[in-house]
């Protein structure tokens, strides 16, 4: 039975990677090019994740800040998801939806990209963050389950993950972050 579960998980992950990334290879390359241009023009990559994807957002930002494949200068990426004081203050005041948007208003500029990682659940804080990012003139990107109802906002780059499995979605999101960093490093540093 366990071997069957393992085999199914591997098959699901392989199918997710093929349908979500091979089929969107050109869009992913275009987005990586936009990140490179943003960095070259002094902008930043601001990464937001809800639920368990908050930790993945933090890891992705750290891949850009520290390194993935080679020793190199830090790249300007930040994760917005670890301000417990702000979170508890907003919860206390019934303003959970403002968690990311308040942070964006204090630091985001029109030269930045806001990358949202969604677990597929309707989350007013993500909807609000995307609306504020648009108001500020930021480019926006969304990685979410294919049928997720996240926002009515226009998204510059959308990457649907074709899975209903939460574990596979988290793994696919992490793969996306590693691949994005690899593509950006390759373009910036010739590897």
Foldseek 3Di string as FASTA:
>chain_A
DVVVVVVVVVVVLVVQCCVQDVVCVVLLLVVLVLQLVLQVVPAAEEEEEPDPCLVLSQVLQVCQQAHDPDGDHHTHYYYQDPDVVLCVVCVVVVNNLCRQVVVCVVDPALSYEYEYEYALEAGSVQQNNLVSCVVRNHAYEYEYAPPRDHYPDDHNYYGHGDDPDSVSSSVVSSVSSSVSRVSNCCVVPVD
